[in-house]
Protein backbone atom coordinates (compact mmCIF):
# COMPACT_ATOMS: atom_id res chain seq x y z
CA UNK A 1 0.00 0.00 0.00
CA UNK A 2 1.32 3.43 -0.93
CA UNK A 3 2.02 5.81 1.92
CA UNK A 4 -0.32 8.79 2.09
CA UNK A 5 0.58 12.35 3.08
CA UNK A 6 -1.89 15.10 3.97
CA UNK A 7 -0.53 18.61 3.34
CA UNK A 8 -2.33 21.70 4.60
CA UNK A 9 -1.49 25.16 3.32
CA UNK A 10 -0.63 23.46 0.04
CA UNK A 11 -1.65 26.31 -2.24
CA UNK A 12 1.75 28.02 -2.37
CA UNK A 13 5.17 28.35 -0.78
CA UNK A 14 6.34 25.59 1.52
CA UNK A 15 3.14 23.56 1.18
CA UNK A 16 3.34 23.45 -2.61
CA UNK A 17 7.03 22.52 -2.40
CA UNK A 18 6.17 19.70 0.00
CA UNK A 19 3.56 18.42 -2.45
CA UNK A 20 6.15 18.29 -5.23
CA UNK A 21 8.70 16.55 -3.00
CA UNK A 22 6.32 13.87 -1.71
CA UNK A 23 4.89 13.33 -5.19
CA UNK A 24 8.39 12.72 -6.47
CA UNK A 25 8.90 10.15 -3.71
CA UNK A 26 5.80 8.20 -4.77
CA UNK A 27 3.38 9.17 -2.00
CA UNK A 28 -0.35 9.46 -2.41
CA UNK A 29 -1.08 13.10 -1.68
CA UNK A 30 -4.08 14.91 -0.19
CA UNK A 31 -3.88 18.67 -0.74
CA UNK A 32 -5.73 21.13 1.47
CA UNK A 33 -5.86 24.94 1.35
CA UNK A 34 -8.53 27.61 1.24
CA UNK A 35 -8.13 28.24 -2.51
CA UNK A 36 -9.43 25.36 -4.58
CA UNK A 37 -8.17 27.05 -7.75
CA UNK A 38 -4.58 27.02 -6.51
CA UNK A 39 -4.86 23.40 -5.43
CA UNK A 40 -6.33 22.41 -8.79
CA UNK A 41 -3.47 24.14 -10.62
CA UNK A 42 -0.93 22.34 -8.43
CA UNK A 43 -2.69 19.01 -8.97
CA UNK A 44 -2.55 19.51 -12.72
CA UNK A 45 1.17 20.28 -12.46
CA UNK A 46 1.65 17.03 -10.54
CA UNK A 47 -0.28 14.97 -13.06
CA UNK A 48 -3.91 15.55 -12.14
CA UNK A 49 -6.14 14.20 -9.41
CA UNK A 50 -7.11 10.56 -9.26
CA UNK A 51 -5.71 7.49 -7.57
CA UNK A 52 -2.54 9.24 -6.37
CA UNK A 53 -3.77 12.75 -5.63
CA UNK A 54 -6.82 14.39 -4.11
CA UNK A 55 -7.79 18.05 -3.83
CA UNK A 56 -9.75 18.67 -0.62
CA UNK A 57 -10.19 22.41 -0.17
CA UNK A 58 -10.93 23.77 3.28
CA UNK A 59 -9.99 26.32 5.90
CA UNK A 60 -8.10 24.93 8.90
CA UNK A 61 -10.16 27.18 11.17
CA UNK A 62 -13.29 25.25 10.13
CA UNK A 63 -13.07 22.35 12.58
CA UNK A 64 -15.96 20.36 11.11
CA UNK A 65 -14.59 20.66 7.57
CA UNK A 66 -11.09 19.60 8.62
CA UNK A 67 -12.48 16.55 10.41
CA UNK A 68 -14.49 15.61 7.33
CA UNK A 69 -11.40 16.01 5.14
CA UNK A 70 -9.48 13.57 7.33
CA UNK A 71 -12.33 11.09 7.02
CA UNK A 72 -12.40 11.54 3.23
CA UNK A 73 -8.67 10.86 3.05
CA UNK A 74 -9.05 7.62 5.00
CA UNK A 75 -11.94 6.52 2.78
CA UNK A 76 -9.78 7.23 -0.28
CA UNK A 77 -6.31 6.08 0.78
CA UNK A 78 -7.10 3.84 3.73
CA UNK A 79 -4.77 5.72 6.07
CA UNK A 80 -2.82 8.89 6.84
CA UNK A 81 0.86 8.11 7.19
CA UNK A 82 2.23 11.64 7.23
CA UNK A 83 0.68 14.96 8.15
CA UNK A 84 2.37 18.17 6.97
CA UNK A 85 0.64 20.67 9.24
CA UNK A 86 1.70 23.70 7.25
CA UNK A 87 -1.11 26.28 7.00
CA UNK A 88 -0.16 29.63 8.50
CA UNK A 89 -0.29 33.36 8.06
CA UNK A 90 1.12 36.64 9.32
CA UNK A 91 -0.10 40.23 9.19
CA UNK A 92 1.50 43.65 8.60
CA UNK A 93 0.65 45.09 12.05
CA UNK A 94 2.91 43.13 14.37
CA UNK A 95 4.05 45.36 17.22
CA UNK A 96 2.39 46.14 20.56
CA UNK A 97 2.16 49.78 19.52
CA UNK A 98 0.27 48.60 16.40
CA UNK A 99 -2.14 46.32 18.26
CA UNK A 100 -4.90 45.26 15.85
CA UNK A 101 -7.25 42.75 17.44
CA UNK A 102 -8.93 41.59 14.26
CA UNK A 103 -5.72 40.69 12.43
CA UNK A 104 -4.05 39.29 15.55
CA UNK A 105 -7.07 37.07 16.19
CA UNK A 106 -6.77 35.73 12.62
CA UNK A 107 -3.13 34.79 13.22
CA UNK A 108 -3.96 32.86 16.40
CA UNK A 109 -7.03 31.26 14.81
CA UNK A 110 -5.02 29.92 11.86
CA UNK A 111 -1.55 29.26 13.27
CA UNK A 112 -2.63 27.80 16.61
CA UNK A 113 -6.29 26.79 16.68
CA UNK A 114 -6.17 25.74 13.03
CA UNK A 115 -3.09 23.62 13.72
CA UNK A 116 -4.91 22.03 16.68
CA UNK A 117 -7.87 21.22 14.45
CA UNK A 118 -5.65 19.44 11.93
CA UNK A 119 -3.75 17.52 14.60
CA UNK A 120 -6.97 16.33 16.22
CA UNK A 121 -8.38 15.25 12.85
CA UNK A 122 -5.28 13.20 12.01
CA UNK A 123 -4.88 11.62 15.46
CA UNK A 124 -7.81 9.23 15.09
CA UNK A 125 -6.58 7.52 11.92
CA UNK A 126 -2.98 7.43 13.16
CA UNK A 127 -3.99 5.91 16.49
CA UNK A 128 -6.03 3.23 14.73
CA UNK A 129 -3.16 2.27 12.45
CA UNK A 130 -0.64 2.57 15.34
CA UNK A 131 1.73 4.72 13.29
CA UNK A 132 2.13 8.16 11.81
CA UNK A 133 4.42 11.14 11.45
CA UNK A 134 3.26 14.71 12.07
CA UNK A 135 5.46 17.46 10.66
CA UNK A 136 4.58 20.98 11.72
CA UNK A 137 5.85 24.09 9.96
CA UNK A 138 6.78 26.20 12.94
CA UNK A 139 9.43 28.92 12.68
CA UNK A 140 12.70 30.26 14.05
CA UNK A 141 10.24 32.59 15.79
CA UNK A 142 8.69 29.49 17.35
CA UNK A 143 11.98 28.70 19.06
CA UNK A 144 13.58 32.10 19.72
CA UNK A 145 12.09 35.57 20.07
CA UNK A 146 12.26 37.28 16.67
CA UNK A 147 11.05 40.91 16.76
CA UNK A 148 10.57 41.14 12.98
CA UNK A 149 8.18 38.17 13.04
CA UNK A 150 5.75 40.00 15.26
CA UNK A 151 3.96 39.42 18.55
CA UNK A 152 1.02 37.20 17.51
CA UNK A 153 3.04 35.17 14.99
CA UNK A 154 5.86 34.43 17.45
CA UNK A 155 3.38 33.48 20.18
CA UNK A 156 1.45 31.18 17.84
CA UNK A 157 4.58 29.44 16.58
CA UNK A 158 6.02 28.98 20.07
CA UNK A 159 2.74 27.29 20.95
CA UNK A 160 2.92 25.09 17.85
CA UNK A 161 6.44 23.95 18.74
CA UNK A 162 5.19 22.95 22.18
CA UNK A 163 2.19 21.15 20.68
CA UNK A 164 4.63 19.06 18.68
CA UNK A 165 6.60 18.21 21.82
CA UNK A 166 3.40 17.21 23.63
CA UNK A 167 2.57 14.75 20.86
CA UNK A 168 5.90 12.98 21.30
CA UNK A 169 5.33 12.86 25.05
CA UNK A 170 1.79 11.46 24.85
CA UNK A 171 1.32 9.68 21.52
CA UNK A 172 4.56 7.74 21.16
CA UNK A 173 2.78 4.78 22.73
CA UNK A 174 0.54 4.80 19.65
CA UNK A 175 3.48 4.83 17.26
CA UNK A 176 3.00 8.52 16.45
CA UNK A 177 6.03 10.79 16.06
CA UNK A 178 6.08 14.57 15.74
CA UNK A 179 8.58 17.08 14.41
CA UNK A 180 8.57 20.88 14.52
CA UNK A 181 10.42 22.44 11.61
CA UNK A 182 11.74 25.82 12.76
CA UNK A 183 13.21 27.68 9.78
CA UNK A 184 14.43 31.25 9.68
CA UNK A 185 13.62 33.35 6.64
CA UNK A 186 12.07 31.30 3.84
CA UNK A 187 11.43 32.75 0.38
CA UNK A 188 7.63 32.59 0.43
CA UNK A 189 4.78 35.07 -0.10
CA UNK A 190 4.64 35.33 3.71
CA UNK A 191 8.19 36.68 3.84
CA UNK A 192 7.55 39.05 0.96
CA UNK A 193 4.77 40.57 3.04
CA UNK A 194 7.06 41.35 5.98
CA UNK A 195 7.44 45.10 6.46
CA UNK A 196 10.89 46.18 5.30
CA UNK A 197 11.86 42.91 3.61
CA UNK A 198 13.61 43.40 0.25
CA UNK A 199 12.32 40.78 -2.25
CA UNK A 200 15.68 41.04 -4.01
CA UNK A 201 17.08 39.06 -1.06
CA UNK A 202 14.84 36.07 -1.78
CA UNK A 203 17.64 34.02 -3.33
CA UNK A 204 19.80 34.53 -0.21
CA UNK A 205 17.41 32.90 2.26
CA UNK A 206 16.03 29.39 2.75
CA UNK A 207 14.01 28.11 -0.20
CA UNK A 208 10.68 26.29 0.14
CA UNK A 209 12.31 23.27 -1.48
CA UNK A 210 14.85 23.14 1.38
CA UNK A 211 12.04 22.84 3.94
CA UNK A 212 10.25 20.26 1.79
CA UNK A 213 13.40 18.14 1.53
CA UNK A 214 13.71 18.10 5.31
CA UNK A 215 10.07 17.11 5.69
CA UNK A 216 10.55 14.22 3.29
CA UNK A 217 13.64 13.09 5.18
CA UNK A 218 11.80 13.18 8.49
CA UNK A 219 8.91 11.20 7.02
CA UNK A 220 11.28 8.48 5.88
CA UNK A 221 13.10 8.00 9.17
CA UNK A 222 13.25 4.74 11.09
CA UNK A 223 9.87 4.53 12.91
CA UNK A 224 11.75 4.06 16.18
CA UNK A 225 13.25 7.56 15.84
CA UNK A 226 11.41 10.73 16.80
CA UNK A 227 13.02 13.91 15.52
CA UNK A 228 11.59 16.42 17.94
CA UNK A 229 12.73 19.63 16.33
CA UNK A 230 14.86 20.97 13.50
CA UNK A 231 16.03 24.57 13.74
CA UNK A 232 17.77 26.12 10.74
CA UNK A 233 18.41 29.56 9.29
CA UNK A 234 20.01 31.33 6.33
CA UNK A 235 23.77 31.75 6.42
CA UNK A 236 24.71 35.11 7.93
CA UNK A 237 26.71 36.76 5.18
CA UNK A 238 28.43 40.13 5.20
CA UNK A 239 26.34 42.98 3.78
CA UNK A 240 27.05 43.80 0.18
């Protein structure tokens, strides 16, 4: 039976790169994001939906929809071997002196509560099959304080890193392993939206494909090994 990976936030950036990496490794792939159009375009790039690929659009903040997606994946593929819990966002107003409740609430709802919804949806199938790998796209800001990342984003990613640790502490007895990927700057639309970031620097930072390669490596590890956390960052080079 082919291994199955569920990737959230698959419409662009790291999620799309993960889809390409896991497709190249022969996985069956379930793609989730809010934009069905983006998912459909990615599916066509990867060879179209069918036996090896499914497009299952949904917002991670919609708990009922995320649970139904997990059930659809199990009906289709029989199992969920790997979860790439990748959906996330940030906002322009990030400082305490720019406090904006509406946008900050959206960050917490997606990056933390949304991540919880996805984890809970995948836990049932993984517990039943007594195996599974959860890979969470956290951040350097989820490991160390990073002022440029912003208050709500850093708080949400610190929480996500701890969620990953709690899974290793509590679900290892069910054969479930969890990894928090904590990259520094990654060349994604999220980074391009950071106030003050120069898009001309995109080639000098981590690429989405680098994160995807790590996720694929984690997924393929000996099932007796839990990689709790991977922290990595761009090389600090002298200014030009």
